[in-house]
Amino acid sequence: MTQQEFNDLIAPDRLVLVDFFATWCGPCRAMHPVIDALESQMRSVVDVVRLNVDLFENSEPVQHYRVMSVPTLILFRQGRMLWRESGVVSLDTLADVVRRFDRVEAY
């Protein structure tokens, strides 16, 4: 995915959670069911995008956002980064973050 394609994905006036992951990463695999549950529970509020950092075609957004460790989760709205966290995050924490930023107007 080029940087422009990535920018198009995160551009909507809607929350977009990007999961930067690697297939060999144990914590990333642990996050997959958490991300799936969040997507299922909050589908009306947030879109989820998964980006494999090991694929060459994804190198532009990985480098642009300086993703140095995986998993890295970044929440966007209108192309703006609202929240970022690396490592394992609980479903409750993710849901709280999404709820908090869903109430905030983008500007």
C-alpha atoms as a PDB file:
ATOM      1  CA  MET A   1       0.000   0.000   0.000  1.00  0.00           C
ATOM      2  CA  THR A   2       1.443   3.330  -1.002  1.00  0.00           C
ATOM      3  CA  GLN A   3       1.351   6.305   1.335  1.00  0.00           C
ATOM      4  CA  GLN A   4      -1.355   7.868  -0.832  1.00  0.00           C
ATOM      5  CA  GLU A   5      -3.513   4.730  -0.630  1.00  0.00           C
ATOM      6  CA  PHE A   6      -3.004   4.707   3.139  1.00  0.00           C
ATOM      7  CA  ASN A   7      -3.923   8.402   3.355  1.00  0.00           C
ATOM      8  CA  ASP A   8      -7.140   7.641   1.470  1.00  0.00           C
ATOM      9  CA  LEU A   9      -8.006   4.899   4.010  1.00  0.00           C
ATOM     10  CA  ILE A  10      -7.557   7.176   7.026  1.00  0.00           C
ATOM     11  CA  ALA A  11      -9.148  10.275   5.469  1.00  0.00           C
ATOM     12  CA  PRO A  12     -12.852   9.745   6.306  1.00  0.00           C
ATOM     13  CA  ASP A  13     -14.672  11.708   8.985  1.00  0.00           C
ATOM     14  CA  ARG A  14     -14.919   8.436  10.848  1.00  0.00           C
ATOM     15  CA  LEU A  15     -12.562   6.700  13.255  1.00  0.00           C
ATOM     16  CA  VAL A  16     -10.089   4.308  11.653  1.00  0.00           C
ATOM     17  CA  LEU A  17      -7.955   1.990  13.793  1.00  0.00           C
ATOM     18  CA  VAL A  18      -4.831   0.738  12.038  1.00  0.00           C
ATOM     19  CA  ASP A  19      -3.191  -2.413  13.382  1.00  0.00           C
ATOM     20  CA  PHE A  20       0.455  -2.569  12.280  1.00  0.00           C
ATOM     21  CA  PHE A  21       1.392  -6.235  12.794  1.00  0.00           C
ATOM     22  CA  ALA A  22       3.731  -9.031  11.725  1.00  0.00           C
ATOM     23  CA  THR A  23       2.750 -12.665  11.237  1.00  0.00           C
ATOM     24  CA  TRP A  24       5.737 -13.928  13.268  1.00  0.00           C
ATOM     25  CA  CYS A  25       4.890 -11.700  16.260  1.00  0.00           C
ATOM     26  CA  GLY A  26       3.345 -13.484  19.269  1.00  0.00           C
ATOM     27  CA  PRO A  27       1.833 -10.324  20.806  1.00  0.00           C
ATOM     28  CA  CYS A  28       0.362  -9.485  17.384  1.00  0.00           C
ATOM     29  CA  ARG A  29      -1.320 -12.882  17.230  1.00  0.00           C
ATOM     30  CA  ALA A  30      -2.645 -12.303  20.762  1.00  0.00           C
ATOM     31  CA  MET A  31      -4.163  -9.002  19.598  1.00  0.00           C
ATOM     32  CA  HIS A  32      -6.021 -10.490  16.600  1.00  0.00           C
ATOM     33  CA  PRO A  33      -9.025 -11.761  18.630  1.00  0.00           C
ATOM     34  CA  VAL A  34      -9.098  -8.469  20.563  1.00  0.00           C
ATOM     35  CA  ILE A  35      -9.165  -6.474  17.324  1.00  0.00           C
ATOM     36  CA  ASP A  36     -11.801  -8.838  15.888  1.00  0.00           C
ATOM     37  CA  ALA A  37     -13.984  -8.336  18.976  1.00  0.00           C
ATOM     38  CA  LEU A  38     -13.587  -4.562  18.824  1.00  0.00           C
ATOM     39  CA  GLU A  39     -14.489  -4.568  15.144  1.00  0.00           C
ATOM     40  CA  SER A  40     -17.562  -6.693  15.829  1.00  0.00           C
ATOM     41  CA  GLN A  41     -18.755  -4.650  18.827  1.00  0.00           C
ATOM     42  CA  MET A  42     -18.024  -1.180  17.470  1.00  0.00           C
ATOM     43  CA  ARG A  43     -18.441  -1.574  13.715  1.00  0.00           C
ATOM     44  CA  SER A  44     -20.804   1.408  13.577  1.00  0.00           C
ATOM     45  CA  VAL A  45     -18.154   3.664  15.133  1.00  0.00           C
ATOM     46  CA  VAL A  46     -14.737   2.531  13.885  1.00  0.00           C
ATOM     47  CA  ASP A  47     -13.214   0.921  10.808  1.00  0.00           C
ATOM     48  CA  VAL A  48     -10.281  -1.453  11.291  1.00  0.00           C
ATOM     49  CA  VAL A  49      -7.357  -1.714   8.897  1.00  0.00           C
ATOM     50  CA  ARG A  50      -4.650  -4.346   9.327  1.00  0.00           C
ATOM     51  CA  LEU A  51      -1.236  -3.659   7.850  1.00  0.00           C
ATOM     52  CA  ASN A  52       1.470  -6.329   7.723  1.00  0.00           C
ATOM     53  CA  VAL A  53       4.756  -4.481   8.340  1.00  0.00           C
ATOM     54  CA  ASP A  54       6.809  -7.214   6.654  1.00  0.00           C
ATOM     55  CA  LEU A  55       5.254  -6.732   3.224  1.00  0.00           C
ATOM     56  CA  PHE A  56       7.375  -4.480   1.026  1.00  0.00           C
ATOM     57  CA  GLU A  57       4.280  -2.857  -0.477  1.00  0.00           C
ATOM     58  CA  ASN A  58       3.377  -1.526   3.008  1.00  0.00           C
ATOM     59  CA  SER A  59       6.782   0.021   3.689  1.00  0.00           C
ATOM     60  CA  GLU A  60       5.759   3.623   2.950  1.00  0.00           C
ATOM     61  CA  PRO A  61       3.155   3.956   5.745  1.00  0.00           C
ATOM     62  CA  VAL A  62       5.319   1.873   8.111  1.00  0.00           C
ATOM     63  CA  GLN A  63       8.229   4.247   7.595  1.00  0.00           C
ATOM     64  CA  HIS A  64       6.070   7.371   7.557  1.00  0.00           C
ATOM     65  CA  TYR A  65       4.618   6.572  10.987  1.00  0.00           C
ATOM     66  CA  ARG A  66       7.948   5.246  12.282  1.00  0.00           C
ATOM     67  CA  VAL A  67       6.553   1.904  13.342  1.00  0.00           C
ATOM     68  CA  MET A  68       9.491   0.320  15.164  1.00  0.00           C
ATOM     69  CA  SER A  69       7.694  -2.348  17.171  1.00  0.00           C
ATOM     70  CA  VAL A  70       4.663  -4.503  16.648  1.00  0.00           C
ATOM     71  CA  PRO A  71       1.873  -4.555  17.353  1.00  0.00           C
ATOM     72  CA  THR A  72       1.396  -0.810  16.991  1.00  0.00           C
ATOM     73  CA  LEU A  73      -2.156   0.515  16.984  1.00  0.00           C
ATOM     74  CA  ILE A  74      -2.941   3.995  15.680  1.00  0.00           C
ATOM     75  CA  LEU A  75      -6.375   5.641  15.712  1.00  0.00           C
ATOM     76  CA  PHE A  76      -7.085   8.223  13.004  1.00  0.00           C
ATOM     77  CA  ARG A  77      -9.874  10.552  11.948  1.00  0.00           C
ATOM     78  CA  GLN A  78      -9.685  12.755   8.861  1.00  0.00           C
ATOM     79  CA  GLY A  79      -6.064  11.702   8.405  1.00  0.00           C
ATOM     80  CA  ARG A  80      -5.078  12.943  11.865  1.00  0.00           C
ATOM     81  CA  MET A  81      -3.458  10.638  14.392  1.00  0.00           C
ATOM     82  CA  LEU A  82      -5.536  10.762  17.582  1.00  0.00           C
ATOM     83  CA  TRP A  83      -4.003   7.958  19.645  1.00  0.00           C
ATOM     84  CA  ARG A  84      -1.104   5.515  19.380  1.00  0.00           C
ATOM     85  CA  GLU A  85       0.001   2.535  21.452  1.00  0.00           C
ATOM     86  CA  SER A  86       2.489  -0.289  20.965  1.00  0.00           C
ATOM     87  CA  GLY A  87       2.160  -3.703  22.576  1.00  0.00           C
ATOM     88  CA  VAL A  88      -0.789  -5.697  23.802  1.00  0.00           C
ATOM     89  CA  VAL A  89      -3.874  -3.638  24.676  1.00  0.00           C
ATOM     90  CA  SER A  90      -7.015  -5.015  26.306  1.00  0.00           C
ATOM     91  CA  LEU A  91     -10.399  -4.913  24.598  1.00  0.00           C
ATOM     92  CA  ASP A  92     -11.735  -2.690  27.396  1.00  0.00           C
ATOM     93  CA  THR A  93      -8.918  -0.177  26.885  1.00  0.00           C
ATOM     94  CA  LEU A  94      -9.391  -0.126  23.108  1.00  0.00           C
ATOM     95  CA  ALA A  95     -13.150   0.274  23.435  1.00  0.00           C
ATOM     96  CA  ASP A  96     -12.665   3.126  25.936  1.00  0.00           C
ATOM     97  CA  VAL A  97     -10.257   4.889  23.557  1.00  0.00           C
ATOM     98  CA  VAL A  98     -12.684   4.540  20.644  1.00  0.00           C
ATOM     99  CA  ARG A  99     -15.606   5.805  22.751  1.00  0.00           C
ATOM    100  CA  ARG A 100     -13.583   8.769  24.011  1.00  0.00           C
ATOM    101  CA  PHE A 101     -12.535   9.874  20.531  1.00  0.00           C
ATOM    102  CA  ASP A 102     -15.938   9.159  19.022  1.00  0.00           C
ATOM    103  CA  ARG A 103     -17.290  11.969  21.208  1.00  0.00           C
ATOM    104  CA  VAL A 104     -14.576  14.406  20.120  1.00  0.00           C
ATOM    105  CA  GLU A 105     -15.321  16.505  17.062  1.00  0.00           C
ATOM    106  CA  ALA A 106     -12.642  16.486  14.392  1.00  0.00           C
ATOM    107  CA  TYR A 107     -11.278  19.860  13.379  1.00  0.00           C
END
